[in-house]
């Protein structure tokens, strides 16, 4: 699947919510960091998802997911 950065969203976790970007590498969350943090790849280096105005819940599962 490769590397993806979800940018510009509001991250929601048990400890609160804040604006952050999420780096995903091969379907695993590897970093949640302040926008433009050095740990994140620069724009254009990886696939990107614009989450501006959206909530991002790293590790969350859609409650309407059908599982067997």
PDB file of N, CA and C in Angstrom:
ATOM      1  N   UNK A   1       0.807  -1.191   0.000  1.00  0.00           N
ATOM      2  CA  UNK A   1       0.000   0.000   0.000  1.00  0.00           C
ATOM      3  C   UNK A   1       0.852   1.257   0.000  1.00  0.00           C
ATOM      4  N   UNK A   2       1.983   1.260   0.652  1.00  0.00           N
ATOM      5  CA  UNK A   2       2.858   2.415   0.636  1.00  0.00           C
ATOM      6  C   UNK A   2       2.622   3.372   1.781  1.00  0.00           C
ATOM      7  N   UNK A   3       3.134   4.579   1.583  1.00  0.00           N
ATOM      8  CA  UNK A   3       3.057   5.606   2.632  1.00  0.00           C
ATOM      9  C   UNK A   3       2.010   6.646   2.276  1.00  0.00           C
ATOM     10  N   UNK A   4       1.237   7.052   3.285  1.00  0.00           N
ATOM     11  CA  UNK A   4       0.179   8.046   3.126  1.00  0.00           C
ATOM     12  C   UNK A   4       0.257   9.010   4.304  1.00  0.00           C
ATOM     13  N   UNK A   5       0.055  10.287   4.034  1.00  0.00           N
ATOM     14  CA  UNK A   5      -0.067  11.272   5.108  1.00  0.00           C
ATOM     15  C   UNK A   5      -1.472  11.852   5.054  1.00  0.00           C
ATOM     16  N   UNK A   6      -2.165  11.788   6.187  1.00  0.00           N
ATOM     17  CA  UNK A   6      -3.481  12.414   6.329  1.00  0.00           C
ATOM     18  C   UNK A   6      -3.201  13.783   6.939  1.00  0.00           C
ATOM     19  N   UNK A   7      -3.426  14.834   6.161  1.00  0.00           N
ATOM     20  CA  UNK A   7      -3.031  16.184   6.580  1.00  0.00           C
ATOM     21  C   UNK A   7      -4.228  17.073   6.906  1.00  0.00           C
ATOM     22  N   UNK A   8      -4.026  17.939   7.904  1.00  0.00           N
ATOM     23  CA  UNK A   8      -4.962  19.025   8.159  1.00  0.00           C
ATOM     24  C   UNK A   8      -6.182  18.695   8.982  1.00  0.00           C
ATOM     25  N   UNK A   9      -6.286  17.482   9.495  1.00  0.00           N
ATOM     26  CA  UNK A   9      -7.457  17.102  10.270  1.00  0.00           C
ATOM     27  C   UNK A   9      -7.298  17.375  11.750  1.00  0.00           C
ATOM     28  N   UNK A  10      -8.381  17.162  12.478  1.00  0.00           N
ATOM     29  CA  UNK A  10      -8.356  17.247  13.931  1.00  0.00           C
ATOM     30  C   UNK A  10      -8.287  15.821  14.458  1.00  0.00           C
ATOM     31  N   UNK A  11      -7.168  15.471  15.052  1.00  0.00           N
ATOM     32  CA  UNK A  11      -6.976  14.126  15.597  1.00  0.00           C
ATOM     33  C   UNK A  11      -7.726  14.029  16.920  1.00  0.00           C
ATOM     34  N   UNK A  12      -8.470  12.941  17.079  1.00  0.00           N
ATOM     35  CA  UNK A  12      -9.239  12.700  18.298  1.00  0.00           C
ATOM     36  C   UNK A  12      -8.706  11.415  18.940  1.00  0.00           C
ATOM     37  N   UNK A  13      -8.360  11.497  20.224  1.00  0.00           N
ATOM     38  CA  UNK A  13      -7.870  10.331  20.962  1.00  0.00           C
ATOM     39  C   UNK A  13      -8.412  10.396  22.384  1.00  0.00           C
ATOM     40  N   UNK A  14      -8.175   9.367  23.179  1.00  0.00           N
ATOM     41  CA  UNK A  14      -8.646   9.404  24.569  1.00  0.00           C
ATOM     42  C   UNK A  14      -8.078  10.572  25.371  1.00  0.00           C
ATOM     43  N   UNK A  15      -6.928  11.111  24.942  1.00  0.00           N
ATOM     44  CA  UNK A  15      -6.310  12.206  25.696  1.00  0.00           C
ATOM     45  C   UNK A  15      -6.753  13.590  25.215  1.00  0.00           C
ATOM     46  N   UNK A  16      -7.596  13.657  24.200  1.00  0.00           N
ATOM     47  CA  UNK A  16      -8.086  14.955  23.742  1.00  0.00           C
ATOM     48  C   UNK A  16      -8.147  15.037  22.228  1.00  0.00           C
ATOM     49  N   UNK A  17      -8.196  16.278  21.733  1.00  0.00           N
ATOM     50  CA  UNK A  17      -8.195  16.480  20.289  1.00  0.00           C
ATOM     51  C   UNK A  17      -7.311  17.674  19.958  1.00  0.00           C
ATOM     52  N   UNK A  18      -6.639  17.601  18.829  1.00  0.00           N
ATOM     53  CA  UNK A  18      -5.735  18.646  18.396  1.00  0.00           C
ATOM     54  C   UNK A  18      -5.508  18.511  16.901  1.00  0.00           C
ATOM     55  N   UNK A  19      -5.028  19.578  16.287  1.00  0.00           N
ATOM     56  CA  UNK A  19      -4.739  19.548  14.858  1.00  0.00           C
ATOM     57  C   UNK A  19      -3.403  18.846  14.668  1.00  0.00           C
ATOM     58  N   UNK A  20      -3.404  17.804  13.849  1.00  0.00           N
ATOM     59  CA  UNK A  20      -2.183  17.043  13.615  1.00  0.00           C
ATOM     60  C   UNK A  20      -2.283  16.309  12.285  1.00  0.00           C
ATOM     61  N   UNK A  21      -1.144  15.850  11.809  1.00  0.00           N
ATOM     62  CA  UNK A  21      -1.067  15.027  10.616  1.00  0.00           C
ATOM     63  C   UNK A  21      -0.720  13.608  11.049  1.00  0.00           C
ATOM     64  N   UNK A  22      -1.191  12.626  10.269  1.00  0.00           N
ATOM     65  CA  UNK A  22      -0.972  11.215  10.603  1.00  0.00           C
ATOM     66  C   UNK A  22      -0.229  10.560   9.454  1.00  0.00           C
ATOM     67  N   UNK A  23       0.904   9.921   9.765  1.00  0.00           N
ATOM     68  CA  UNK A  23       1.689   9.192   8.770  1.00  0.00           C
ATOM     69  C   UNK A  23       1.377   7.713   8.879  1.00  0.00           C
ATOM     70  N   UNK A  24       0.982   7.127   7.755  1.00  0.00           N
ATOM     71  CA  UNK A  24       0.657   5.702   7.683  1.00  0.00           C
ATOM     72  C   UNK A  24       1.654   5.052   6.741  1.00  0.00           C
ATOM     73  N   UNK A  25       2.252   3.949   7.163  1.00  0.00           N
ATOM     74  CA  UNK A  25       3.209   3.217   6.334  1.00  0.00           C
ATOM     75  C   UNK A  25       2.790   1.755   6.309  1.00  0.00           C
ATOM     76  N   UNK A  26       2.446   1.260   5.125  1.00  0.00           N
ATOM     77  CA  UNK A  26       1.986  -0.127   4.960  1.00  0.00           C
ATOM     78  C   UNK A  26       0.879  -0.489   5.945  1.00  0.00           C
ATOM     79  N   UNK A  27      -0.148   0.352   6.005  1.00  0.00           N
ATOM     80  CA  UNK A  27      -1.352   0.143   6.805  1.00  0.00           C
ATOM     81  C   UNK A  27      -1.130   0.239   8.311  1.00  0.00           C
ATOM     82  N   UNK A  28      -0.010   0.796   8.739  1.00  0.00           N
ATOM     83  CA  UNK A  28       0.264   0.989  10.168  1.00  0.00           C
ATOM     84  C   UNK A  28       0.517   2.463  10.446  1.00  0.00           C
ATOM     85  N   UNK A  29      -0.041   2.959  11.527  1.00  0.00           N
ATOM     86  CA  UNK A  29       0.204   4.339  11.932  1.00  0.00           C
ATOM     87  C   UNK A  29       1.609   4.389  12.522  1.00  0.00           C
ATOM     88  N   UNK A  30       2.466   5.224  11.943  1.00  0.00           N
ATOM     89  CA  UNK A  30       3.839   5.311  12.435  1.00  0.00           C
ATOM     90  C   UNK A  30       4.150   6.655  13.082  1.00  0.00           C
ATOM     91  N   UNK A  31       3.290   7.663  12.848  1.00  0.00           N
ATOM     92  CA  UNK A  31       3.516   8.959  13.493  1.00  0.00           C
ATOM     93  C   UNK A  31       2.237   9.774  13.505  1.00  0.00           C
ATOM     94  N   UNK A  32       2.024  10.458  14.619  1.00  0.00           N
ATOM     95  CA  UNK A  32       1.000  11.489  14.737  1.00  0.00           C
ATOM     96  C   UNK A  32       1.762  12.712  15.205  1.00  0.00           C
ATOM     97  N   UNK A  33       1.796  13.750  14.370  1.00  0.00           N
ATOM     98  CA  UNK A  33       2.670  14.880  14.675  1.00  0.00           C
ATOM     99  C   UNK A  33       2.036  16.194  14.271  1.00  0.00           C
ATOM    100  N   UNK A  34       2.564  17.261  14.844  1.00  0.00           N
ATOM    101  CA  UNK A  34       2.118  18.600  14.471  1.00  0.00           C
ATOM    102  C   UNK A  34       2.321  18.790  12.975  1.00  0.00           C
ATOM    103  N   UNK A  35       1.437  19.542  12.332  1.00  0.00           N
ATOM    104  CA  UNK A  35       1.604  19.784  10.897  1.00  0.00           C
ATOM    105  C   UNK A  35       3.007  20.312  10.591  1.00  0.00           C
ATOM    106  N   UNK A  36       3.568  19.845   9.512  1.00  0.00           N
ATOM    107  CA  UNK A  36       4.899  20.266   9.048  1.00  0.00           C
ATOM    108  C   UNK A  36       6.029  19.877  10.001  1.00  0.00           C
ATOM    109  N   UNK A  37       5.808  18.878  10.844  1.00  0.00           N
ATOM    110  CA  UNK A  37       6.874  18.397  11.732  1.00  0.00           C
ATOM    111  C   UNK A  37       7.949  17.708  10.895  1.00  0.00           C
ATOM    112  N   UNK A  38       9.168  17.741  11.377  1.00  0.00           N
ATOM    113  CA  UNK A  38      10.300  17.168  10.640  1.00  0.00           C
ATOM    114  C   UNK A  38      10.152  15.661  10.417  1.00  0.00           C
ATOM    115  N   UNK A  39       9.406  14.973  11.264  1.00  0.00           N
ATOM    116  CA  UNK A  39       9.247  13.523  11.147  1.00  0.00           C
ATOM    117  C   UNK A  39       8.356  13.152   9.951  1.00  0.00           C
ATOM    118  N   UNK A  40       7.564  14.098   9.460  1.00  0.00           N
ATOM    119  CA  UNK A  40       6.657  13.827   8.354  1.00  0.00           C
ATOM    120  C   UNK A  40       7.323  14.122   7.013  1.00  0.00           C
ATOM    121  N   UNK A  41       7.010  13.329   5.985  1.00  0.00           N
ATOM    122  CA  UNK A  41       7.543  13.608   4.647  1.00  0.00           C
ATOM    123  C   UNK A  41       6.997  14.939   4.125  1.00  0.00           C
ATOM    124  N   UNK A  42       7.760  15.582   3.287  1.00  0.00           N
ATOM    125  CA  UNK A  42       7.322  16.847   2.691  1.00  0.00           C
ATOM    126  C   UNK A  42       6.183  16.596   1.706  1.00  0.00           C
ATOM    127  N   UNK A  43       5.403  17.629   1.474  1.00  0.00           N
ATOM    128  CA  UNK A  43       4.301  17.528   0.512  1.00  0.00           C
ATOM    129  C   UNK A  43       4.846  17.076  -0.835  1.00  0.00           C
ATOM    130  N   UNK A  44       4.151  16.157  -1.461  1.00  0.00           N
ATOM    131  CA  UNK A  44       4.549  15.642  -2.767  1.00  0.00           C
ATOM    132  C   UNK A  44       5.435  14.414  -2.725  1.00  0.00           C
ATOM    133  N   UNK A  45       5.990  14.069  -1.550  1.00  0.00           N
ATOM    134  CA  UNK A  45       6.863  12.903  -1.443  1.00  0.00           C
ATOM    135  C   UNK A  45       6.090  11.606  -1.228  1.00  0.00           C
ATOM    136  N   UNK A  46       4.849  11.703  -0.758  1.00  0.00           N
ATOM    137  CA  UNK A  46       4.018  10.520  -0.489  1.00  0.00           C
ATOM    138  C   UNK A  46       2.584  10.825  -0.906  1.00  0.00           C
ATOM    139  N   UNK A  47       1.755   9.801  -0.934  1.00  0.00           N
ATOM    140  CA  UNK A  47       0.331  10.025  -1.198  1.00  0.00           C
ATOM    141  C   UNK A  47      -0.251  10.820  -0.032  1.00  0.00           C
ATOM    142  N   UNK A  48      -1.182  11.714  -0.335  1.00  0.00           N
ATOM    143  CA  UNK A  48      -1.750  12.563   0.706  1.00  0.00           C
ATOM    144  C   UNK A  48      -3.267  12.543   0.667  1.00  0.00           C
ATOM    145  N   UNK A  49      -3.860  12.666   1.861  1.00  0.00           N
ATOM    146  CA  UNK A  49      -5.306  12.798   2.004  1.00  0.00           C
ATOM    147  C   UNK A  49      -5.547  14.119   2.719  1.00  0.00           C
ATOM    148  N   UNK A  50      -6.378  14.979   2.144  1.00  0.00           N
ATOM    149  CA  UNK A  50      -6.704  16.256   2.770  1.00  0.00           C
ATOM    150  C   UNK A  50      -7.870  16.041   3.732  1.00  0.00           C
ATOM    151  N   UNK A  51      -7.603  16.170   5.021  1.00  0.00           N
ATOM    152  CA  UNK A  51      -8.633  15.965   6.044  1.00  0.00           C
ATOM    153  C   UNK A  51      -9.083  17.279   6.664  1.00  0.00           C
ATOM    154  N   UNK A  52      -8.849  18.389   5.974  1.00  0.00           N
ATOM    155  CA  UNK A  52      -9.240  19.694   6.482  1.00  0.00           C
ATOM    156  C   UNK A  52     -10.732  19.696   6.826  1.00  0.00           C
ATOM    157  N   UNK A  53     -11.050  20.108   8.045  1.00  0.00           N
ATOM    158  CA  UNK A  53     -12.436  20.161   8.483  1.00  0.00           C
ATOM    159  C   UNK A  53     -12.997  18.822   8.935  1.00  0.00           C
ATOM    160  N   UNK A  54     -12.163  17.795   8.994  1.00  0.00           N
ATOM    161  CA  UNK A  54     -12.615  16.445   9.379  1.00  0.00           C
ATOM    162  C   UNK A  54     -11.947  15.998  10.669  1.00  0.00           C
ATOM    163  N   UNK A  55     -12.610  15.073  11.353  1.00  0.00           N
ATOM    164  CA  UNK A  55     -11.998  14.410  12.499  1.00  0.00           C
ATOM    165  C   UNK A  55     -11.243  13.184  12.011  1.00  0.00           C
ATOM    166  N   UNK A  56     -10.061  12.960  12.577  1.00  0.00           N
ATOM    167  CA  UNK A  56      -9.237  11.797  12.251  1.00  0.00           C
ATOM    168  C   UNK A  56      -9.087  11.000  13.537  1.00  0.00           C
ATOM    169  N   UNK A  57      -9.462   9.731  13.499  1.00  0.00           N
ATOM    170  CA  UNK A  57      -9.414   8.890  14.697  1.00  0.00           C
ATOM    171  C   UNK A  57      -8.450   7.735  14.419  1.00  0.00           C
ATOM    172  N   UNK A  58      -7.146   7.961  14.682  1.00  0.00           N
ATOM    173  CA  UNK A  58      -6.157   6.915  14.408  1.00  0.00           C
ATOM    174  C   UNK A  58      -6.460   5.642  15.192  1.00  0.00           C
ATOM    175  N   UNK A  59      -6.525   4.531  14.503  1.00  0.00           N
ATOM    176  CA  UNK A  59      -6.785   3.252  15.147  1.00  0.00           C
ATOM    177  C   UNK A  59      -8.247   2.977  15.406  1.00  0.00           C
ATOM    178  N   UNK A  60      -9.108   3.930  15.096  1.00  0.00           N
ATOM    179  CA  UNK A  60     -10.553   3.735  15.300  1.00  0.00           C
ATOM    180  C   UNK A  60     -11.123   2.766  14.294  1.00  0.00           C
ATOM    181  N   UNK A  61     -12.195   2.139  14.672  1.00  0.00           N
ATOM    182  CA  UNK A  61     -12.880   1.203  13.766  1.00  0.00           C
ATOM    183  C   UNK A  61     -14.291   1.736  13.545  1.00  0.00           C
ATOM    184  N   UNK A  62     -14.705   1.779  12.299  1.00  0.00           N
ATOM    185  CA  UNK A  62     -16.053   2.215  11.967  1.00  0.00           C
ATOM    186  C   UNK A  62     -17.034   1.270  12.634  1.00  0.00           C
ATOM    187  N   UNK A  63     -17.943   1.808  13.441  1.00  0.00           N
ATOM    188  CA  UNK A  63     -18.886   0.950  14.185  1.00  0.00           C
ATOM    189  C   UNK A  63     -19.867   0.252  13.260  1.00  0.00           C
ATOM    190  N   UNK A  64     -19.920   0.644  12.019  1.00  0.00           N
ATOM    191  CA  UNK A  64     -20.803  -0.005  11.064  1.00  0.00           C
ATOM    192  C   UNK A  64     -20.041  -0.968  10.162  1.00  0.00           C
ATOM    193  N   UNK A  65     -18.865  -1.376  10.579  1.00  0.00           N
ATOM    194  CA  UNK A  65     -18.068  -2.322   9.808  1.00  0.00           C
ATOM    195  C   UNK A  65     -18.662  -3.723   9.943  1.00  0.00           C
ATOM    196  N   UNK A  66     -18.826  -4.408   8.831  1.00  0.00           N
ATOM    197  CA  UNK A  66     -19.337  -5.787   8.850  1.00  0.00           C
ATOM    198  C   UNK A  66     -18.126  -6.730   8.922  1.00  0.00           C
ATOM    199  N   UNK A  67     -18.060  -7.503   9.980  1.00  0.00           N
ATOM    200  CA  UNK A  67     -16.946  -8.433  10.166  1.00  0.00           C
ATOM    201  C   UNK A  67     -17.487  -9.847  10.296  1.00  0.00           C
ATOM    202  N   UNK A  68     -16.705 -10.786   9.874  1.00  0.00           N
ATOM    203  CA  UNK A  68     -17.144 -12.186   9.973  1.00  0.00           C
ATOM    204  C   UNK A  68     -16.480 -12.859  11.150  1.00  0.00           C
TER     205      UNK A  68
END
